[in-house]
PDB file of all heavy atoms in Angstrom:
ATOM      1  N   ILE A   1     -78.529 -50.611   2.427  1.00  0.00           N
ATOM      2  CA  ILE A   1     -78.005 -51.689   1.594  1.00  0.00           C
ATOM      3  C   ILE A   1     -76.513 -51.434   1.404  1.00  0.00           C
ATOM      4  O   ILE A   1     -76.126 -50.524   0.651  1.00  0.00           O
ATOM      5  CB  ILE A   1     -78.730 -51.744   0.235  1.00  0.00           C
ATOM      6  CG1 ILE A   1     -80.235 -51.880   0.456  1.00  0.00           C
ATOM      7  CG2 ILE A   1     -78.203 -52.897  -0.608  1.00  0.00           C
ATOM      8  CD1 ILE A   1     -81.055 -51.769  -0.811  1.00  0.00           C
ATOM      9  N   PRO A   2     -75.658 -52.187   2.064  1.00  0.00           N
ATOM     10  CA  PRO A   2     -74.222 -51.909   1.985  1.00  0.00           C
ATOM     11  C   PRO A   2     -73.658 -51.990   0.576  1.00  0.00           C
ATOM     12  O   PRO A   2     -72.753 -51.230   0.217  1.00  0.00           O
ATOM     13  CB  PRO A   2     -73.605 -52.980   2.896  1.00  0.00           C
ATOM     14  CG  PRO A   2     -74.711 -53.377   3.829  1.00  0.00           C
ATOM     15  CD  PRO A   2     -75.962 -53.260   3.032  1.00  0.00           C
ATOM     16  N   GLU A   3     -74.178 -52.903  -0.243  1.00  0.00           N
ATOM     17  CA  GLU A   3     -73.616 -53.089  -1.580  1.00  0.00           C
ATOM     18  C   GLU A   3     -73.716 -51.819  -2.421  1.00  0.00           C
ATOM     19  O   GLU A   3     -72.785 -51.454  -3.138  1.00  0.00           O
ATOM     20  CB  GLU A   3     -74.337 -54.248  -2.283  1.00  0.00           C
ATOM     21  CG  GLU A   3     -73.826 -54.542  -3.678  1.00  0.00           C
ATOM     22  CD  GLU A   3     -72.376 -55.012  -3.695  1.00  0.00           C
ATOM     23  OE1 GLU A   3     -71.930 -55.581  -2.685  1.00  0.00           O
ATOM     24  OE2 GLU A   3     -71.710 -54.799  -4.734  1.00  0.00           O
ATOM     25  N   THR A   4     -74.858 -51.146  -2.357  1.00  0.00           N
ATOM     26  CA  THR A   4     -75.069 -49.934  -3.152  1.00  0.00           C
ATOM     27  C   THR A   4     -74.931 -48.661  -2.321  1.00  0.00           C
ATOM     28  O   THR A   4     -74.967 -47.561  -2.874  1.00  0.00           O
ATOM     29  CB  THR A   4     -76.470 -49.955  -3.782  1.00  0.00           C
ATOM     30  OG1 THR A   4     -77.458 -50.004  -2.740  1.00  0.00           O
ATOM     31  CG2 THR A   4     -76.623 -51.166  -4.695  1.00  0.00           C
ATOM     32  N   SER A   5     -74.800 -48.806  -1.016  1.00  0.00           N
ATOM     33  CA  SER A   5     -74.736 -47.678  -0.076  1.00  0.00           C
ATOM     34  C   SER A   5     -76.009 -46.838  -0.106  1.00  0.00           C
ATOM     35  O   SER A   5     -75.980 -45.641   0.153  1.00  0.00           O
ATOM     36  CB  SER A   5     -73.517 -46.784  -0.356  1.00  0.00           C
ATOM     37  OG  SER A   5     -73.262 -45.935   0.742  1.00  0.00           O
ATOM     38  N   ARG A   6     -77.123 -47.476  -0.390  1.00  0.00           N
ATOM     39  CA  ARG A   6     -78.396 -46.760  -0.469  1.00  0.00           C
ATOM     40  C   ARG A   6     -79.153 -46.887   0.846  1.00  0.00           C
ATOM     41  O   ARG A   6     -79.265 -47.975   1.409  1.00  0.00           O
ATOM     42  CB  ARG A   6     -79.253 -47.304  -1.607  1.00  0.00           C
ATOM     43  CG  ARG A   6     -80.564 -46.549  -1.817  1.00  0.00           C
ATOM     44  CD  ARG A   6     -81.398 -47.159  -2.941  1.00  0.00           C
ATOM     45  NE  ARG A   6     -80.648 -47.228  -4.183  1.00  0.00           N
ATOM     46  CZ  ARG A   6     -81.148 -47.732  -5.313  1.00  0.00           C
ATOM     47  NH1 ARG A   6     -82.389 -48.217  -5.332  1.00  0.00           N
ATOM     48  NH2 ARG A   6     -80.403 -47.769  -6.405  1.00  0.00           N
ATOM     49  N   LEU A   7     -79.659 -45.772   1.331  1.00  0.00           N
ATOM     50  CA  LEU A   7     -80.500 -45.736   2.520  1.00  0.00           C
ATOM     51  C   LEU A   7     -81.893 -45.267   2.136  1.00  0.00           C
ATOM     52  O   LEU A   7     -82.057 -44.238   1.480  1.00  0.00           O
ATOM     53  CB  LEU A   7     -79.930 -44.773   3.569  1.00  0.00           C
ATOM     54  CG  LEU A   7     -80.822 -44.520   4.787  1.00  0.00           C
ATOM     55  CD1 LEU A   7     -80.804 -45.724   5.730  1.00  0.00           C
ATOM     56  CD2 LEU A   7     -80.413 -43.263   5.532  1.00  0.00           C
ATOM     57  N   VAL A   8     -82.899 -46.043   2.549  1.00  0.00           N
ATOM     58  CA  VAL A   8     -84.302 -45.628   2.426  1.00  0.00           C
ATOM     59  C   VAL A   8     -84.838 -45.540   3.847  1.00  0.00           C
ATOM     60  O   VAL A   8     -84.747 -46.508   4.611  1.00  0.00           O
ATOM     61  CB  VAL A   8     -85.125 -46.631   1.599  1.00  0.00           C
ATOM     62  CG1 VAL A   8     -86.546 -46.108   1.397  1.00  0.00           C
ATOM     63  CG2 VAL A   8     -84.464 -46.890   0.250  1.00  0.00           C
ATOM     64  N   TYR A   9     -85.376 -44.389   4.217  1.00  0.00           N
ATOM     65  CA  TYR A   9     -85.798 -44.208   5.600  1.00  0.00           C
ATOM     66  C   TYR A   9     -87.110 -43.436   5.665  1.00  0.00           C
ATOM     67  O   TYR A   9     -87.544 -42.802   4.701  1.00  0.00           O
ATOM     68  CB  TYR A   9     -84.711 -43.482   6.395  1.00  0.00           C
ATOM     69  CG  TYR A   9     -84.579 -42.011   6.068  1.00  0.00           C
ATOM     70  CD1 TYR A   9     -85.271 -41.041   6.797  1.00  0.00           C
ATOM     71  CD2 TYR A   9     -83.762 -41.580   5.021  1.00  0.00           C
ATOM     72  CE1 TYR A   9     -85.159 -39.687   6.496  1.00  0.00           C
ATOM     73  CE2 TYR A   9     -83.644 -40.229   4.714  1.00  0.00           C
ATOM     74  CZ  TYR A   9     -84.346 -39.297   5.447  1.00  0.00           C
ATOM     75  OH  TYR A   9     -84.237 -37.966   5.146  1.00  0.00           O
ATOM     76  N   ALA A  10     -87.734 -43.481   6.830  1.00  0.00           N
ATOM     77  CA  ALA A  10     -88.945 -42.706   7.113  1.00  0.00           C
ATOM     78  C   ALA A  10     -88.841 -42.178   8.539  1.00  0.00           C
ATOM     79  O   ALA A  10     -88.126 -42.741   9.377  1.00  0.00           O
ATOM     80  CB  ALA A  10     -90.195 -43.554   6.935  1.00  0.00           C
ATOM     81  N   VAL A  11     -89.580 -41.111   8.806  1.00  0.00           N
ATOM     82  CA  VAL A  11     -89.473 -40.420  10.090  1.00  0.00           C
ATOM     83  C   VAL A  11     -90.852 -40.262  10.712  1.00  0.00           C
ATOM     84  O   VAL A  11     -91.820 -39.935  10.016  1.00  0.00           O
ATOM     85  CB  VAL A  11     -88.827 -39.025   9.910  1.00  0.00           C
ATOM     86  CG1 VAL A  11     -88.648 -38.341  11.262  1.00  0.00           C
ATOM     87  CG2 VAL A  11     -87.495 -39.130   9.186  1.00  0.00           C
ATOM     88  N   ALA A  12     -90.932 -40.494  12.001  1.00  0.00           N
ATOM     89  CA  ALA A  12     -92.166 -40.273  12.758  1.00  0.00           C
ATOM     90  C   ALA A  12     -91.902 -39.209  13.819  1.00  0.00           C
ATOM     91  O   ALA A  12     -91.622 -39.519  14.977  1.00  0.00           O
ATOM     92  CB  ALA A  12     -92.649 -41.571  13.403  1.00  0.00           C
ATOM     93  N   GLY A  13     -91.947 -37.941  13.403  1.00  0.00           N
ATOM     94  CA  GLY A  13     -91.790 -36.832  14.336  1.00  0.00           C
ATOM     95  C   GLY A  13     -90.433 -36.708  14.971  1.00  0.00           C
ATOM     96  O   GLY A  13     -90.278 -36.020  15.989  1.00  0.00           O
ATOM     97  N   HIS A  14     -89.414 -37.344  14.401  1.00  0.00           N
ATOM     98  CA  HIS A  14     -88.080 -37.397  14.998  1.00  0.00           C
ATOM     99  C   HIS A  14     -87.165 -36.397  14.307  1.00  0.00           C
ATOM    100  O   HIS A  14     -87.394 -36.028  13.161  1.00  0.00           O
ATOM    101  CB  HIS A  14     -87.514 -38.813  14.848  1.00  0.00           C
ATOM    102  CG  HIS A  14     -86.370 -39.116  15.757  1.00  0.00           C
ATOM    103  ND1 HIS A  14     -86.532 -39.406  17.086  1.00  0.00           N
ATOM    104  CD2 HIS A  14     -85.033 -39.169  15.525  1.00  0.00           C
ATOM    105  CE1 HIS A  14     -85.353 -39.637  17.631  1.00  0.00           C
ATOM    106  NE2 HIS A  14     -84.428 -39.490  16.700  1.00  0.00           N
ATOM    107  N   PRO A  15     -86.113 -35.916  15.002  1.00  0.00           N
ATOM    108  CA  PRO A  15     -85.141 -35.052  14.327  1.00  0.00           C
ATOM    109  C   PRO A  15     -84.572 -35.727  13.084  1.00  0.00           C
ATOM    110  O   PRO A  15     -84.340 -36.940  13.084  1.00  0.00           O
ATOM    111  CB  PRO A  15     -84.060 -34.842  15.388  1.00  0.00           C
ATOM    112  CG  PRO A  15     -84.765 -35.037  16.693  1.00  0.00           C
ATOM    113  CD  PRO A  15     -85.793 -36.089  16.436  1.00  0.00           C
ATOM    114  N   PRO A  16     -84.334 -34.960  12.024  1.00  0.00           N
ATOM    115  CA  PRO A  16     -83.867 -35.557  10.761  1.00  0.00           C
ATOM    116  C   PRO A  16     -82.426 -36.021  10.846  1.00  0.00           C
ATOM    117  O   PRO A  16     -81.630 -35.481  11.625  1.00  0.00           O
ATOM    118  CB  PRO A  16     -84.008 -34.400   9.766  1.00  0.00           C
ATOM    119  CG  PRO A  16     -83.790 -33.183  10.608  1.00  0.00           C
ATOM    120  CD  PRO A  16     -84.440 -33.499  11.937  1.00  0.00           C
ATOM    121  N   PRO A  17     -82.042 -37.001  10.034  1.00  0.00           N
ATOM    122  CA  PRO A  17     -80.628 -37.379   9.997  1.00  0.00           C
ATOM    123  C   PRO A  17     -79.801 -36.283   9.344  1.00  0.00           C
ATOM    124  O   PRO A  17     -80.301 -35.475   8.557  1.00  0.00           O
ATOM    125  CB  PRO A  17     -80.632 -38.660   9.144  1.00  0.00           C
ATOM    126  CG  PRO A  17     -81.876 -38.586   8.331  1.00  0.00           C
ATOM    127  CD  PRO A  17     -82.878 -37.829   9.143  1.00  0.00           C
ATOM    128  N   LEU A  18     -78.526 -36.276   9.681  1.00  0.00           N
ATOM    129  CA  LEU A  18     -77.587 -35.322   9.101  1.00  0.00           C
ATOM    130  C   LEU A  18     -76.616 -36.069   8.198  1.00  0.00           C
ATOM    131  O   LEU A  18     -76.038 -37.086   8.601  1.00  0.00           O
ATOM    132  CB  LEU A  18     -76.810 -34.593  10.194  1.00  0.00           C
ATOM    133  CG  LEU A  18     -77.626 -33.780  11.202  1.00  0.00           C
ATOM    134  CD1 LEU A  18     -76.703 -33.161  12.243  1.00  0.00           C
ATOM    135  CD2 LEU A  18     -78.454 -32.708  10.507  1.00  0.00           C
ATOM    136  N   LEU A  19     -76.449 -35.576   6.975  1.00  0.00           N
ATOM    137  CA  LEU A  19     -75.471 -36.133   6.050  1.00  0.00           C
ATOM    138  C   LEU A  19     -74.212 -35.285   6.148  1.00  0.00           C
ATOM    139  O   LEU A  19     -74.220 -34.097   5.817  1.00  0.00           O
ATOM    140  CB  LEU A  19     -76.019 -36.119   4.622  1.00  0.00           C
ATOM    141  CG  LEU A  19     -75.067 -36.611   3.527  1.00  0.00           C
ATOM    142  CD1 LEU A  19     -74.634 -38.048   3.789  1.00  0.00           C
ATOM    143  CD2 LEU A  19     -75.708 -36.486   2.155  1.00  0.00           C
ATOM    144  N   VAL A  20     -73.141 -35.904   6.626  1.00  0.00           N
ATOM    145  CA  VAL A  20     -71.873 -35.199   6.824  1.00  0.00           C
ATOM    146  C   VAL A  20     -70.980 -35.481   5.624  1.00  0.00           C
ATOM    147  O   VAL A  20     -70.482 -36.596   5.450  1.00  0.00           O
ATOM    148  CB  VAL A  20     -71.184 -35.642   8.123  1.00  0.00           C
ATOM    149  CG1 VAL A  20     -69.954 -34.782   8.390  1.00  0.00           C
ATOM    150  CG2 VAL A  20     -72.142 -35.562   9.301  1.00  0.00           C
ATOM    151  N   LEU A  21     -70.801 -34.474   4.781  1.00  0.00           N
ATOM    152  CA  LEU A  21     -69.949 -34.561   3.601  1.00  0.00           C
ATOM    153  C   LEU A  21     -68.571 -33.986   3.931  1.00  0.00           C
ATOM    154  O   LEU A  21     -68.392 -33.381   4.995  1.00  0.00           O
ATOM    155  CB  LEU A  21     -70.608 -33.811   2.448  1.00  0.00           C
ATOM    156  CG  LEU A  21     -71.979 -34.369   2.032  1.00  0.00           C
ATOM    157  CD1 LEU A  21     -72.729 -33.376   1.157  1.00  0.00           C
ATOM    158  CD2 LEU A  21     -71.824 -35.698   1.327  1.00  0.00           C
ATOM    159  N   PRO A  22     -67.593 -34.149   3.042  1.00  0.00           N
ATOM    160  CA  PRO A  22     -66.251 -33.679   3.375  1.00  0.00           C
ATOM    161  C   PRO A  22     -66.184 -32.210   3.799  1.00  0.00           C
ATOM    162  O   PRO A  22     -65.413 -31.866   4.689  1.00  0.00           O
ATOM    163  CB  PRO A  22     -65.471 -33.927   2.078  1.00  0.00           C
ATOM    164  CG  PRO A  22     -66.136 -35.125   1.480  1.00  0.00           C
ATOM    165  CD  PRO A  22     -67.599 -34.941   1.788  1.00  0.00           C
ATOM    166  N   ARG A  23     -67.000 -31.339   3.169  1.00  0.00           N
ATOM    167  CA  ARG A  23     -66.887 -29.920   3.471  1.00  0.00           C
ATOM    168  C   ARG A  23     -68.152 -29.299   4.049  1.00  0.00           C
ATOM    169  O   ARG A  23     -68.172 -28.091   4.319  1.00  0.00           O
ATOM    170  CB  ARG A  23     -66.501 -29.159   2.195  1.00  0.00           C
ATOM    171  CG  ARG A  23     -65.151 -29.547   1.635  1.00  0.00           C
ATOM    172  CD  ARG A  23     -64.788 -28.700   0.433  1.00  0.00           C
ATOM    173  NE  ARG A  23     -63.514 -29.104  -0.151  1.00  0.00           N
ATOM    174  CZ  ARG A  23     -62.986 -28.546  -1.223  1.00  0.00           C
ATOM    175  NH1 ARG A  23     -63.631 -27.553  -1.830  1.00  0.00           N
ATOM    176  NH2 ARG A  23     -61.821 -28.974  -1.695  1.00  0.00           N
ATOM    177  N   THR A  24     -69.180 -30.072   4.213  1.00  0.00           N
ATOM    178  CA  THR A  24     -70.426 -29.481   4.697  1.00  0.00           C
ATOM    179  C   THR A  24     -71.278 -30.547   5.372  1.00  0.00           C
ATOM    180  O   THR A  24     -71.013 -31.742   5.265  1.00  0.00           O
ATOM    181  CB  THR A  24     -71.214 -28.846   3.526  1.00  0.00           C
ATOM    182  OG1 THR A  24     -72.335 -28.140   4.038  1.00  0.00           O
ATOM    183  CG2 THR A  24     -71.701 -29.905   2.562  1.00  0.00           C
ATOM    184  N   VAL A  25     -72.310 -30.092   6.073  1.00  0.00           N
ATOM    185  CA  VAL A  25     -73.288 -30.977   6.706  1.00  0.00           C
ATOM    186  C   VAL A  25     -74.663 -30.584   6.189  1.00  0.00           C
ATOM    187  O   VAL A  25     -75.019 -29.404   6.202  1.00  0.00           O
ATOM    188  CB  VAL A  25     -73.241 -30.867   8.244  1.00  0.00           C
ATOM    189  CG1 VAL A  25     -74.306 -31.751   8.878  1.00  0.00           C
ATOM    190  CG2 VAL A  25     -71.859 -31.244   8.758  1.00  0.00           C
ATOM    191  N   ARG A  26     -75.436 -31.568   5.733  1.00  0.00           N
ATOM    192  CA  ARG A  26     -76.753 -31.305   5.171  1.00  0.00           C
ATOM    193  C   ARG A  26     -77.830 -32.002   5.994  1.00  0.00           C
ATOM    194  O   ARG A  26     -77.704 -33.175   6.347  1.00  0.00           O
ATOM    195  CB  ARG A  26     -76.828 -31.782   3.719  1.00  0.00           C
ATOM    196  CG  ARG A  26     -75.902 -31.015   2.776  1.00  0.00           C
ATOM    197  CD  ARG A  26     -76.355 -29.587   2.616  1.00  0.00           C
ATOM    198  NE  ARG A  26     -75.389 -28.802   1.833  1.00  0.00           N
ATOM    199  CZ  ARG A  26     -75.579 -27.536   1.503  1.00  0.00           C
ATOM    200  NH1 ARG A  26     -76.687 -26.910   1.894  1.00  0.00           N
ATOM    201  NH2 ARG A  26     -74.677 -26.887   0.798  1.00  0.00           N
ATOM    202  N   ARG A  27     -78.875 -31.251   6.263  1.00  0.00           N
ATOM    203  CA  ARG A  27     -80.032 -31.760   7.005  1.00  0.00           C
ATOM    204  C   ARG A  27     -80.967 -32.452   6.017  1.00  0.00           C
ATOM    205  O   ARG A  27     -81.486 -31.827   5.092  1.00  0.00           O
ATOM    206  CB  ARG A  27     -80.739 -30.585   7.678  1.00  0.00           C
ATOM    207  CG  ARG A  27     -81.878 -30.915   8.593  1.00  0.00           C
ATOM    208  CD  ARG A  27     -82.415 -29.605   9.163  1.00  0.00           C
ATOM    209  NE  ARG A  27     -83.392 -29.796  10.199  1.00  0.00           N
ATOM    210  CZ  ARG A  27     -84.695 -29.858   9.980  1.00  0.00           C
ATOM    211  NH1 ARG A  27     -85.156 -29.758   8.748  1.00  0.00           N
ATOM    212  NH2 ARG A  27     -85.533 -30.009  10.995  1.00  0.00           N
ATOM    213  N   LEU A  28     -81.199 -33.750   6.179  1.00  0.00           N
ATOM    214  CA  LEU A  28     -82.043 -34.506   5.261  1.00  0.00           C
ATOM    215  C   LEU A  28     -83.512 -34.350   5.638  1.00  0.00           C
ATOM    216  O   LEU A  28     -83.845 -33.904   6.743  1.00  0.00           O
ATOM    217  CB  LEU A  28     -81.617 -35.975   5.263  1.00  0.00           C
ATOM    218  CG  LEU A  28     -80.183 -36.256   4.804  1.00  0.00           C
ATOM    219  CD1 LEU A  28     -79.943 -37.751   4.688  1.00  0.00           C
ATOM    220  CD2 LEU A  28     -79.859 -35.567   3.485  1.00  0.00           C
ATOM    221  N   PRO A  29     -84.430 -34.722   4.745  1.00  0.00           N
ATOM    222  CA  PRO A  29     -85.864 -34.532   5.028  1.00  0.00           C
ATOM    223  C   PRO A  29     -86.331 -35.331   6.237  1.00  0.00           C
ATOM    224  O   PRO A  29     -85.761 -36.368   6.597  1.00  0.00           O
ATOM    225  CB  PRO A  29     -86.541 -35.029   3.741  1.00  0.00           C
ATOM    226  CG  PRO A  29     -85.499 -34.942   2.690  1.00  0.00           C
ATOM    227  CD  PRO A  29     -84.198 -35.217   3.377  1.00  0.00           C
ATOM    228  N   SER A  30     -87.399 -34.844   6.850  1.00  0.00           N
ATOM    229  CA  SER A  30     -88.009 -35.552   7.976  1.00  0.00           C
ATOM    230  C   SER A  30     -89.510 -35.604   7.736  1.00  0.00           C
ATOM    231  O   SER A  30     -89.965 -35.802   6.630  1.00  0.00           O
ATOM    232  CB  SER A  30     -87.656 -34.864   9.294  1.00  0.00           C
ATOM    233  OG  SER A  30     -88.057 -33.507   9.277  1.00  0.00           O
ATOM    234  N   GLY A  31     -90.313 -35.401   8.792  1.00  0.00           N
ATOM    235  CA  GLY A  31     -91.760 -35.380   8.629  1.00  0.00           C
ATOM    236  C   GLY A  31     -92.452 -36.440   9.457  1.00  0.00           C
ATOM    237  O   GLY A  31     -91.833 -37.185  10.214  1.00  0.00           O
ATOM    238  N   GLY A  32     -93.771 -36.533   9.281  1.00  0.00           N
ATOM    239  CA  GLY A  32     -94.559 -37.532   9.980  1.00  0.00           C
ATOM    240  C   GLY A  32     -94.877 -37.144  11.405  1.00  0.00           C
ATOM    241  O   GLY A  32     -94.169 -36.366  12.038  1.00  0.00           O
ATOM    242  N   LEU A  33     -95.964 -37.697  11.914  1.00  0.00           N
ATOM    243  CA  LEU A  33     -96.344 -37.508  13.312  1.00  0.00           C
ATOM    244  C   LEU A  33     -95.652 -38.533  14.190  1.00  0.00           C
ATOM    245  O   LEU A  33     -95.303 -39.625  13.724  1.00  0.00           O
ATOM    246  CB  LEU A  33     -97.858 -37.657  13.465  1.00  0.00           C
ATOM    247  CG  LEU A  33     -98.738 -36.632  12.751  1.00  0.00           C
ATOM    248  CD1 LEU A  33    -100.207 -37.031  12.884  1.00  0.00           C
ATOM    249  CD2 LEU A  33     -98.514 -35.236  13.305  1.00  0.00           C
TER     250      LEU A  33
END
């Protein structure tokens, strides 16, 4: 949702998304078959 910059996502056995912040990179949750 661009207005709020909110992402809701789900994963089916896929590599998790990476959140790239100014000083670090964080691996977000994944899961699912």
